Amino acid sequence: MSVFHFQKFSVLQSRSGMKVCTDATLFGAMMPIAAGDRVLDIGSGTGLLSLMAAQLGAGRVTGVELTAAAWEE
């Protein structure tokens, strides 16, 4: 099982087509999220950006994924 560990959460990524990478991690860290913002993550894959948005203080995060294997994970 492939797991990527962050400080406050871990991401399972063995079945997802989009693995955690440097680009996604940097993009997530630079998201301009203010406390209480609503975020829509379309094609969320592992859910990395959704989790990072929640960690940055977003009030509501919705992740949408069409691939059943990634969604189940």
PDB file of N, CA and C in Angstrom:
ATOM      1  N   MET A   1       0.853  -1.176   0.000  1.00  0.00           N
ATOM      2  CA  MET A   1       0.000   0.000   0.000  1.00  0.00           C
ATOM      3  C   MET A   1       0.896   1.235   0.000  1.00  0.00           C
ATOM      4  N   SER A   2       0.621   2.178  -0.878  1.00  0.00           N
ATOM      5  CA  SER A   2       1.391   3.401  -0.992  1.00  0.00           C
ATOM      6  C   SER A   2       0.705   4.518  -0.196  1.00  0.00           C
ATOM      7  N   VAL A   3       1.412   5.039   0.795  1.00  0.00           N
ATOM      8  CA  VAL A   3       0.866   6.097   1.647  1.00  0.00           C
ATOM      9  C   VAL A   3       1.853   7.250   1.672  1.00  0.00           C
ATOM     10  N   PHE A   4       1.345   8.472   1.468  1.00  0.00           N
ATOM     11  CA  PHE A   4       2.166   9.672   1.559  1.00  0.00           C
ATOM     12  C   PHE A   4       1.781  10.381   2.852  1.00  0.00           C
ATOM     13  N   HIS A   5       2.743  10.626   3.733  1.00  0.00           N
ATOM     14  CA  HIS A   5       2.477  11.212   5.045  1.00  0.00           C
ATOM     15  C   HIS A   5       2.817  12.704   5.073  1.00  0.00           C
ATOM     16  N   PHE A   6       1.839  13.506   5.483  1.00  0.00           N
ATOM     17  CA  PHE A   6       2.051  14.914   5.758  1.00  0.00           C
ATOM     18  C   PHE A   6       2.102  15.075   7.272  1.00  0.00           C
ATOM     19  N   GLN A   7       2.243  16.311   7.768  1.00  0.00           N
ATOM     20  CA  GLN A   7       2.301  16.512   9.221  1.00  0.00           C
ATOM     21  C   GLN A   7       0.976  16.192   9.905  1.00  0.00           C
ATOM     22  N   LYS A   8      -0.152  16.571   9.284  1.00  0.00           N
ATOM     23  CA  LYS A   8      -1.445  16.422   9.949  1.00  0.00           C
ATOM     24  C   LYS A   8      -2.359  15.382   9.318  1.00  0.00           C
ATOM     25  N   PHE A   9      -1.973  14.792   8.202  1.00  0.00           N
ATOM     26  CA  PHE A   9      -2.802  13.764   7.570  1.00  0.00           C
ATOM     27  C   PHE A   9      -1.943  12.897   6.663  1.00  0.00           C
ATOM     28  N   SER A  10      -2.499  11.759   6.262  1.00  0.00           N
ATOM     29  CA  SER A  10      -1.833  10.850   5.328  1.00  0.00           C
ATOM     30  C   SER A  10      -2.763  10.602   4.150  1.00  0.00           C
ATOM     31  N   VAL A  11      -2.180  10.341   2.982  1.00  0.00           N
ATOM     32  CA  VAL A  11      -2.952  10.120   1.764  1.00  0.00           C
ATOM     33  C   VAL A  11      -2.642   8.730   1.216  1.00  0.00           C
ATOM     34  N   LEU A  12      -3.686   7.884   1.122  1.00  0.00           N
ATOM     35  CA  LEU A  12      -3.539   6.591   0.450  1.00  0.00           C
ATOM     36  C   LEU A  12      -3.553   6.853  -1.043  1.00  0.00           C
ATOM     37  N   GLN A  13      -2.620   6.245  -1.773  1.00  0.00           N
ATOM     38  CA  GLN A  13      -2.546   6.553  -3.198  1.00  0.00           C
ATOM     39  C   GLN A  13      -2.217   5.344  -4.059  1.00  0.00           C
ATOM     40  N   SER A  14      -2.468   4.170  -3.576  1.00  0.00           N
ATOM     41  CA  SER A  14      -2.114   2.978  -4.352  1.00  0.00           C
ATOM     42  C   SER A  14      -3.036   2.757  -5.549  1.00  0.00           C
ATOM     43  N   ARG A  15      -4.298   3.191  -5.477  1.00  0.00           N
ATOM     44  CA  ARG A  15      -5.253   2.929  -6.562  1.00  0.00           C
ATOM     45  C   ARG A  15      -5.579   4.167  -7.398  1.00  0.00           C
ATOM     46  N   SER A  16      -5.121   5.317  -7.001  1.00  0.00           N
ATOM     47  CA  SER A  16      -5.440   6.555  -7.703  1.00  0.00           C
ATOM     48  C   SER A  16      -4.498   6.763  -8.884  1.00  0.00           C
ATOM     49  N   GLY A  17      -5.031   7.327  -9.970  1.00  0.00           N
ATOM     50  CA  GLY A  17      -4.213   7.617 -11.141  1.00  0.00           C
ATOM     51  C   GLY A  17      -3.305   8.817 -10.937  1.00  0.00           C
ATOM     52  N   MET A  18      -3.707   9.746 -10.084  1.00  0.00           N
ATOM     53  CA  MET A  18      -2.916  10.950  -9.820  1.00  0.00           C
ATOM     54  C   MET A  18      -2.278  10.834  -8.437  1.00  0.00           C
ATOM     55  N   LYS A  19      -1.014  10.526  -8.405  1.00  0.00           N
ATOM     56  CA  LYS A  19      -0.289  10.365  -7.148  1.00  0.00           C
ATOM     57  C   LYS A  19       0.125  11.729  -6.600  1.00  0.00           C
ATOM     58  N   VAL A  20       0.486  11.760  -5.330  1.00  0.00           N
ATOM     59  CA  VAL A  20       1.004  12.974  -4.717  1.00  0.00           C
ATOM     60  C   VAL A  20       2.337  13.304  -5.387  1.00  0.00           C
ATOM     61  N   CYS A  21       2.498  14.555  -5.798  1.00  0.00           N
ATOM     62  CA  CYS A  21       3.739  14.982  -6.449  1.00  0.00           C
ATOM     63  C   CYS A  21       4.121  16.376  -5.943  1.00  0.00           C
ATOM     64  N   THR A  22       5.296  16.805  -6.283  1.00  0.00           N
ATOM     65  CA  THR A  22       5.789  18.112  -5.846  1.00  0.00           C
ATOM     66  C   THR A  22       4.889  19.236  -6.330  1.00  0.00           C
ATOM     67  N   ASP A  23       4.455  19.188  -7.588  1.00  0.00           N
ATOM     68  CA  ASP A  23       3.604  20.244  -8.146  1.00  0.00           C
ATOM     69  C   ASP A  23       2.311  20.394  -7.358  1.00  0.00           C
ATOM     70  N   ALA A  24       1.647  19.265  -7.079  1.00  0.00           N
ATOM     71  CA  ALA A  24       0.379  19.312  -6.345  1.00  0.00           C
ATOM     72  C   ALA A  24       0.583  19.822  -4.924  1.00  0.00           C
ATOM     73  N   THR A  25       1.663  19.408  -4.295  1.00  0.00           N
ATOM     74  CA  THR A  25       1.947  19.847  -2.927  1.00  0.00           C
ATOM     75  C   THR A  25       2.204  21.349  -2.885  1.00  0.00           C
ATOM     76  N   LEU A  26       2.984  21.865  -3.816  1.00  0.00           N
ATOM     77  CA  LEU A  26       3.251  23.308  -3.864  1.00  0.00           C
ATOM     78  C   LEU A  26       1.983  24.092  -4.200  1.00  0.00           C
ATOM     79  N   PHE A  27       1.195  23.605  -5.156  1.00  0.00           N
ATOM     80  CA  PHE A  27      -0.059  24.263  -5.516  1.00  0.00           C
ATOM     81  C   PHE A  27      -0.982  24.347  -4.304  1.00  0.00           C
ATOM     82  N   GLY A  28      -1.102  23.234  -3.574  1.00  0.00           N
ATOM     83  CA  GLY A  28      -1.947  23.219  -2.382  1.00  0.00           C
ATOM     84  C   GLY A  28      -1.459  24.176  -1.313  1.00  0.00           C
ATOM     85  N   ALA A  29      -0.158  24.255  -1.141  1.00  0.00           N
ATOM     86  CA  ALA A  29       0.407  25.143  -0.120  1.00  0.00           C
ATOM     87  C   ALA A  29       0.207  26.617  -0.467  1.00  0.00           C
ATOM     88  N   MET A  30       0.073  26.927  -1.753  1.00  0.00           N
ATOM     89  CA  MET A  30      -0.068  28.325  -2.174  1.00  0.00           C
ATOM     90  C   MET A  30      -1.508  28.729  -2.466  1.00  0.00           C
ATOM     91  N   MET A  31      -2.476  27.847  -2.203  1.00  0.00           N
ATOM     92  CA  MET A  31      -3.877  28.198  -2.454  1.00  0.00           C
ATOM     93  C   MET A  31      -4.276  29.394  -1.597  1.00  0.00           C
ATOM     94  N   PRO A  32      -4.911  30.401  -2.192  1.00  0.00           N
ATOM     95  CA  PRO A  32      -5.334  31.575  -1.417  1.00  0.00           C
ATOM     96  C   PRO A  32      -6.644  31.303  -0.669  1.00  0.00           C
ATOM     97  N   ILE A  33      -6.571  30.498   0.374  1.00  0.00           N
ATOM     98  CA  ILE A  33      -7.754  30.111   1.139  1.00  0.00           C
ATOM     99  C   ILE A  33      -7.872  31.004   2.368  1.00  0.00           C
ATOM    100  N   ALA A  34      -9.035  31.599   2.552  1.00  0.00           N
ATOM    101  CA  ALA A  34      -9.325  32.379   3.763  1.00  0.00           C
ATOM    102  C   ALA A  34     -10.262  31.560   4.648  1.00  0.00           C
ATOM    103  N   ALA A  35     -10.245  31.855   5.913  1.00  0.00           N
ATOM    104  CA  ALA A  35     -11.103  31.131   6.862  1.00  0.00           C
ATOM    105  C   ALA A  35     -12.558  31.203   6.409  1.00  0.00           C
ATOM    106  N   GLY A  36     -13.215  30.057   6.340  1.00  0.00           N
ATOM    107  CA  GLY A  36     -14.622  29.999   5.975  1.00  0.00           C
ATOM    108  C   GLY A  36     -14.903  29.899   4.491  1.00  0.00           C
ATOM    109  N   ASP A  37     -13.885  29.946   3.627  1.00  0.00           N
ATOM    110  CA  ASP A  37     -14.101  29.835   2.179  1.00  0.00           C
ATOM    111  C   ASP A  37     -14.754  28.501   1.819  1.00  0.00           C
ATOM    112  N   ARG A  38     -15.475  28.495   0.702  1.00  0.00           N
ATOM    113  CA  ARG A  38     -16.043  27.263   0.149  1.00  0.00           C
ATOM    114  C   ARG A  38     -15.163  26.850  -1.025  1.00  0.00           C
ATOM    115  N   VAL A  39     -14.783  25.566  -1.064  1.00  0.00           N
ATOM    116  CA  VAL A  39     -13.864  25.064  -2.085  1.00  0.00           C
ATOM    117  C   VAL A  39     -14.504  23.895  -2.813  1.00  0.00           C
ATOM    118  N   LEU A  40     -14.376  23.871  -4.144  1.00  0.00           N
ATOM    119  CA  LEU A  40     -14.837  22.761  -4.973  1.00  0.00           C
ATOM    120  C   LEU A  40     -13.617  22.186  -5.680  1.00  0.00           C
ATOM    121  N   ASP A  41     -13.289  20.946  -5.398  1.00  0.00           N
ATOM    122  CA  ASP A  41     -12.145  20.252  -5.995  1.00  0.00           C
ATOM    123  C   ASP A  41     -12.685  19.237  -6.995  1.00  0.00           C
ATOM    124  N   ILE A  42     -12.633  19.582  -8.279  1.00  0.00           N
ATOM    125  CA  ILE A  42     -13.152  18.714  -9.331  1.00  0.00           C
ATOM    126  C   ILE A  42     -12.020  17.830  -9.844  1.00  0.00           C
ATOM    127  N   GLY A  43     -12.247  16.520  -9.852  1.00  0.00           N
ATOM    128  CA  GLY A  43     -11.200  15.569 -10.217  1.00  0.00           C
ATOM    129  C   GLY A  43     -10.211  15.433  -9.079  1.00  0.00           C
ATOM    130  N   SER A  44     -10.731  15.192  -7.888  1.00  0.00           N
ATOM    131  CA  SER A  44      -9.920  15.268  -6.672  1.00  0.00           C
ATOM    132  C   SER A  44      -8.890  14.158  -6.506  1.00  0.00           C
ATOM    133  N   GLY A  45      -9.006  13.060  -7.246  1.00  0.00           N
ATOM    134  CA  GLY A  45      -7.995  12.003  -7.160  1.00  0.00           C
ATOM    135  C   GLY A  45      -7.840  11.488  -5.739  1.00  0.00           C
ATOM    136  N   THR A  46      -6.677  11.700  -5.150  1.00  0.00           N
ATOM    137  CA  THR A  46      -6.418  11.253  -3.779  1.00  0.00           C
ATOM    138  C   THR A  46      -7.076  12.143  -2.738  1.00  0.00           C
ATOM    139  N   GLY A  47      -7.554  13.313  -3.153  1.00  0.00           N
ATOM    140  CA  GLY A  47      -8.144  14.258  -2.204  1.00  0.00           C
ATOM    141  C   GLY A  47      -7.122  15.185  -1.580  1.00  0.00           C
ATOM    142  N   LEU A  48      -5.910  15.184  -2.108  1.00  0.00           N
ATOM    143  CA  LEU A  48      -4.831  15.986  -1.543  1.00  0.00           C
ATOM    144  C   LEU A  48      -5.194  17.463  -1.433  1.00  0.00           C
ATOM    145  N   LEU A  49      -5.673  18.064  -2.522  1.00  0.00           N
ATOM    146  CA  LEU A  49      -5.980  19.496  -2.484  1.00  0.00           C
ATOM    147  C   LEU A  49      -7.172  19.783  -1.573  1.00  0.00           C
ATOM    148  N   SER A  50      -8.138  18.888  -1.514  1.00  0.00           N
ATOM    149  CA  SER A  50      -9.268  19.056  -0.597  1.00  0.00           C
ATOM    150  C   SER A  50      -8.792  19.042   0.854  1.00  0.00           C
ATOM    151  N   LEU A  51      -7.928  18.099   1.176  1.00  0.00           N
ATOM    152  CA  LEU A  51      -7.397  18.006   2.537  1.00  0.00           C
ATOM    153  C   LEU A  51      -6.561  19.230   2.898  1.00  0.00           C
ATOM    154  N   MET A  52      -5.762  19.703   1.948  1.00  0.00           N
ATOM    155  CA  MET A  52      -4.933  20.885   2.213  1.00  0.00           C
ATOM    156  C   MET A  52      -5.800  22.135   2.372  1.00  0.00           C
ATOM    157  N   ALA A  53      -6.889  22.240   1.585  1.00  0.00           N
ATOM    158  CA  ALA A  53      -7.795  23.382   1.721  1.00  0.00           C
ATOM    159  C   ALA A  53      -8.447  23.382   3.103  1.00  0.00           C
ATOM    160  N   ALA A  54      -8.862  22.212   3.561  1.00  0.00           N
ATOM    161  CA  ALA A  54      -9.449  22.107   4.900  1.00  0.00           C
ATOM    162  C   ALA A  54      -8.427  22.483   5.964  1.00  0.00           C
ATOM    163  N   GLN A  55      -7.200  22.059   5.779  1.00  0.00           N
ATOM    164  CA  GLN A  55      -6.135  22.374   6.732  1.00  0.00           C
ATOM    165  C   GLN A  55      -5.842  23.870   6.764  1.00  0.00           C
ATOM    166  N   LEU A  56      -6.028  24.543   5.621  1.00  0.00           N
ATOM    167  CA  LEU A  56      -5.794  25.991   5.553  1.00  0.00           C
ATOM    168  C   LEU A  56      -6.962  26.814   6.104  1.00  0.00           C
ATOM    169  N   GLY A  57      -8.065  26.138   6.487  1.00  0.00           N
ATOM    170  CA  GLY A  57      -9.165  26.845   7.128  1.00  0.00           C
ATOM    171  C   GLY A  57     -10.430  27.008   6.318  1.00  0.00           C
ATOM    172  N   ALA A  58     -10.533  26.336   5.174  1.00  0.00           N
ATOM    173  CA  ALA A  58     -11.760  26.431   4.387  1.00  0.00           C
ATOM    174  C   ALA A  58     -12.939  25.950   5.222  1.00  0.00           C
ATOM    175  N   GLY A  59     -14.071  26.627   5.097  1.00  0.00           N
ATOM    176  CA  GLY A  59     -15.247  26.280   5.873  1.00  0.00           C
ATOM    177  C   GLY A  59     -15.971  25.058   5.338  1.00  0.00           C
ATOM    178  N   ARG A  60     -15.978  24.904   4.019  1.00  0.00           N
ATOM    179  CA  ARG A  60     -16.650  23.755   3.397  1.00  0.00           C
ATOM    180  C   ARG A  60     -15.847  23.336   2.175  1.00  0.00           C
ATOM    181  N   VAL A  61     -15.512  22.064   2.094  1.00  0.00           N
ATOM    182  CA  VAL A  61     -14.745  21.533   0.963  1.00  0.00           C
ATOM    183  C   VAL A  61     -15.527  20.383   0.349  1.00  0.00           C
ATOM    184  N   THR A  62     -15.729  20.451  -0.973  1.00  0.00           N
ATOM    185  CA  THR A  62     -16.402  19.377  -1.696  1.00  0.00           C
ATOM    186  C   THR A  62     -15.442  18.845  -2.749  1.00  0.00           C
ATOM    187  N   GLY A  63     -15.162  17.553  -2.691  1.00  0.00           N
ATOM    188  CA  GLY A  63     -14.302  16.908  -3.677  1.00  0.00           C
ATOM    189  C   GLY A  63     -15.143  16.015  -4.577  1.00  0.00           C
ATOM    190  N   VAL A  64     -14.945  16.106  -5.887  1.00  0.00           N
ATOM    191  CA  VAL A  64     -15.685  15.311  -6.863  1.00  0.00           C
ATOM    192  C   VAL A  64     -14.685  14.443  -7.620  1.00  0.00           C
ATOM    193  N   GLU A  65     -14.937  13.130  -7.629  1.00  0.00           N
ATOM    194  CA  GLU A  65     -14.050  12.194  -8.341  1.00  0.00           C
ATOM    195  C   GLU A  65     -14.905  11.190  -9.088  1.00  0.00           C
ATOM    196  N   LEU A  66     -14.621  10.988 -10.380  1.00  0.00           N
ATOM    197  CA  LEU A  66     -15.387  10.069 -11.209  1.00  0.00           C
ATOM    198  C   LEU A  66     -14.829   8.648 -11.197  1.00  0.00           C
ATOM    199  N   THR A  67     -13.536   8.499 -10.954  1.00  0.00           N
ATOM    200  CA  THR A  67     -12.913   7.184 -10.956  1.00  0.00           C
ATOM    201  C   THR A  67     -13.262   6.452  -9.671  1.00  0.00           C
ATOM    202  N   ALA A  68     -13.931   5.316  -9.791  1.00  0.00           N
ATOM    203  CA  ALA A  68     -14.398   4.578  -8.618  1.00  0.00           C
ATOM    204  C   ALA A  68     -13.250   4.136  -7.706  1.00  0.00           C
ATOM    205  N   ALA A  69     -12.135   3.704  -8.285  1.00  0.00           N
ATOM    206  CA  ALA A  69     -11.018   3.231  -7.471  1.00  0.00           C
ATOM    207  C   ALA A  69     -10.450   4.349  -6.602  1.00  0.00           C
ATOM    208  N   ALA A  70     -10.289   5.538  -7.167  1.00  0.00           N
ATOM    209  CA  ALA A  70      -9.774   6.669  -6.387  1.00  0.00           C
ATOM    210  C   ALA A  70     -10.788   7.100  -5.332  1.00  0.00           C
ATOM    211  N   TRP A  71     -12.055   7.111  -5.691  1.00  0.00           N
ATOM    212  CA  TRP A  71     -13.097   7.522  -4.747  1.00  0.00           C
ATOM    213  C   TRP A  71     -13.153   6.576  -3.551  1.00  0.00           C
ATOM    214  N   GLU A  72     -13.098   5.259  -3.822  1.00  0.00           N
ATOM    215  CA  GLU A  72     -13.168   4.280  -2.735  1.00  0.00           C
ATOM    216  C   GLU A  72     -11.983   4.393  -1.787  1.00  0.00           C
ATOM    217  N   GLU A  73     -10.824   4.726  -2.340  1.00  0.00           N
ATOM    218  CA  GLU A  73      -9.629   4.839  -1.515  1.00  0.00           C
ATOM    219  C   GLU A  73      -9.713   6.050  -0.631  1.00  0.00           C
TER     220      GLU A  73
END
